[in-house]
C-alpha atoms as a PDB file:
ATOM      1  CA  MET A   1       9.421  35.839-157.114  1.00  0.00           C
ATOM      2  CA  LEU A   2       5.649  35.808-157.814  1.00  0.00           C
ATOM      3  CA  GLU A   3       5.403  39.342-155.618  1.00  0.00           C
ATOM      4  CA  GLU A   4       8.468  40.911-157.719  1.00  0.00           C
ATOM      5  CA  THR A   5       6.853  39.775-160.817  1.00  0.00           C
ATOM      6  CA  ASP A   6       2.822  41.092-159.978  1.00  0.00           C
ATOM      7  CA  ASN A   7       4.413  43.998-158.984  1.00  0.00           C
ATOM      8  CA  ILE A   8       6.152  45.058-162.670  1.00  0.00           C
ATOM      9  CA  ILE A   9       3.253  43.951-164.651  1.00  0.00           C
ATOM     10  CA  GLY A  10       1.461  47.392-165.659  1.00  0.00           C
ATOM     11  CA  MET A  11       4.399  49.495-165.757  1.00  0.00           C
ATOM     12  CA  GLU A  12       5.411  51.319-168.134  1.00  0.00           C
ATOM     13  CA  ILE A  13       8.227  51.172-170.486  1.00  0.00           C
ATOM     14  CA  TYR A  14      10.416  54.014-171.830  1.00  0.00           C
ATOM     15  CA  THR A  15      13.231  53.483-174.206  1.00  0.00           C
ATOM     16  CA  PRO A  16      17.075  55.726-173.636  1.00  0.00           C
ATOM     17  CA  ASP A  17      14.986  58.933-175.509  1.00  0.00           C
ATOM     18  CA  GLY A  18      12.344  58.691-173.554  1.00  0.00           C
ATOM     19  CA  VAL A  19      10.197  57.442-176.339  1.00  0.00           C
ATOM     20  CA  PHE A  20       6.550  55.308-174.539  1.00  0.00           C
ATOM     21  CA  VAL A  21       7.089  52.002-175.222  1.00  0.00           C
ATOM     22  CA  GLY A  22       3.944  50.137-173.742  1.00  0.00           C
ATOM     23  CA  CYS A  23       3.055  48.356-170.573  1.00  0.00           C
ATOM     24  CA  VAL A  24       4.118  44.779-169.211  1.00  0.00           C
ATOM     25  CA  THR A  25       1.344  42.887-169.169  1.00  0.00           C
ATOM     26  CA  ASP A  26       3.766  39.859-168.519  1.00  0.00           C
ATOM     27  CA  VAL A  27       7.068  38.937-167.271  1.00  0.00           C
ATOM     28  CA  VAL A  28       8.852  35.495-169.060  1.00  0.00           C
ATOM     29  CA  LEU A  29      10.994  33.618-166.771  1.00  0.00           C
ATOM     30  CA  ASN A  30      12.606  30.891-167.246  1.00  0.00           C
ATOM     31  CA  VAL A  31      11.980  28.718-164.162  1.00  0.00           C
ATOM     32  CA  THR A  32      15.163  26.512-164.921  1.00  0.00           C
ATOM     33  CA  ASP A  33      17.590  29.164-163.680  1.00  0.00           C
ATOM     34  CA  GLY A  34      14.676  30.610-161.557  1.00  0.00           C
ATOM     35  CA  ARG A  35      15.226  34.183-163.255  1.00  0.00           C
ATOM     36  CA  ALA A  36      13.046  36.943-165.450  1.00  0.00           C
ATOM     37  CA  ASP A  37      14.567  36.303-169.542  1.00  0.00           C
ATOM     38  CA  GLY A  38      11.919  38.735-170.730  1.00  0.00           C
ATOM     39  CA  LEU A  39       9.167  41.617-170.666  1.00  0.00           C
ATOM     40  CA  PHE A  40       6.160  40.855-172.449  1.00  0.00           C
ATOM     41  CA  VAL A  41       4.141  43.827-173.953  1.00  0.00           C
ATOM     42  CA  ALA A  42       0.967  42.991-176.128  1.00  0.00           C
ATOM     43  CA  GLU A  43      -0.416  46.381-177.269  1.00  0.00           C
ATOM     44  CA  PRO A  44       2.548  48.587-177.391  1.00  0.00           C
ATOM     45  CA  SER A  45       2.886  51.840-178.640  1.00  0.00           C
ATOM     46  CA  PRO A  46       1.998  53.012-182.230  1.00  0.00           C
ATOM     47  CA  VAL A  47       5.103  54.719-182.296  1.00  0.00           C
ATOM     48  CA  VAL A  48       7.491  51.956-182.216  1.00  0.00           C
ATOM     49  CA  ALA A  49       5.053  49.342-183.591  1.00  0.00           C
ATOM     50  CA  GLU A  50       2.471  48.234-185.954  1.00  0.00           C
ATOM     51  CA  PRO A  51      -0.628  47.585-185.240  1.00  0.00           C
ATOM     52  CA  GLY A  52      -0.804  43.848-184.130  1.00  0.00           C
ATOM     53  CA  VAL A  53       1.950  43.392-183.060  1.00  0.00           C
ATOM     54  CA  THR A  54       3.218  42.129-179.364  1.00  0.00           C
ATOM     55  CA  LEU A  55       6.735  42.646-177.939  1.00  0.00           C
ATOM     56  CA  GLY A  56       9.286  40.384-176.470  1.00  0.00           C
ATOM     57  CA  ILE A  57      11.503  42.237-174.434  1.00  0.00           C
ATOM     58  CA  PRO A  58      14.991  40.850-173.488  1.00  0.00           C
ATOM     59  CA  PHE A  59      15.590  41.329-169.667  1.00  0.00           C
ATOM     60  CA  GLU A  60      19.066  42.223-171.344  1.00  0.00           C
ATOM     61  CA  TRP A  61      17.907  45.248-173.011  1.00  0.00           C
ATOM     62  CA  VAL A  62      16.512  46.588-168.898  1.00  0.00           C
ATOM     63  CA  SER A  63      18.335  49.461-167.734  1.00  0.00           C
ATOM     64  CA  GLY A  64      16.037  49.843-164.695  1.00  0.00           C
ATOM     65  CA  ILE A  65      12.943  50.138-162.658  1.00  0.00           C
ATOM     66  CA  GLY A  66      11.718  51.673-159.940  1.00  0.00           C
ATOM     67  CA  ASP A  67       8.121  53.750-161.037  1.00  0.00           C
ATOM     68  CA  VAL A  68       8.770  53.066-164.615  1.00  0.00           C
ATOM     69  CA  VAL A  69      10.795  50.626-166.579  1.00  0.00           C
ATOM     70  CA  ILE A  70      13.347  52.309-168.324  1.00  0.00           C
ATOM     71  CA  LEU A  71      15.480  50.442-171.235  1.00  0.00           C
ATOM     72  CA  ASP A  72      18.761  50.778-172.518  1.00  0.00           C
ATOM     73  CA  ARG A  73      18.621  50.112-176.176  1.00  0.00           C
ATOM     74  CA  PHE A  74      14.977  49.578-178.325  1.00  0.00           C
ATOM     75  CA  PRO A  75      15.906  48.328-182.082  1.00  0.00           C
ATOM     76  CA  GLY A  76      13.580  50.692-183.420  1.00  0.00           C
ATOM     77  CA  ARG A  77      10.252  50.680-184.754  1.00  0.00           C
ATOM     78  CA  VAL A  78       8.893  46.698-185.130  1.00  0.00           C
ATOM     79  CA  LEU A  79       6.790  45.479-188.286  1.00  0.00           C
ATOM     80  CA  ARG A  80       4.268  42.528-188.717  1.00  0.00           C
ATOM     81  CA  ASP A  81       6.513  40.170-190.554  1.00  0.00           C
ATOM     82  CA  GLY A  82       9.130  40.823-187.387  1.00  0.00           C
ATOM     83  CA  SER A  83      11.671  43.127-189.157  1.00  0.00           C
ATOM     84  CA  VAL A  84      12.560  46.908-187.391  1.00  0.00           C
ATOM     85  CA  GLY A  85      11.785  49.505-189.857  1.00  0.00           C
END
């Protein structure tokens, strides 16, 4: 699991429409179940989030992982207060 996690860190993430979200900076692990719960993006693109926002992307939103991570959904532009604009 650790080796696979290391391979995901640094991958680019894209919305279903091909919009760049950011790069994976960490993987959120559920140690009880031994599975990944989500991806963490420390510096998302300003197109998808206001400056200073960090993103936690639920693993359920991931459509596929290959050379990049493709999401099957993304709520819209995330604002500093956590709402979607």
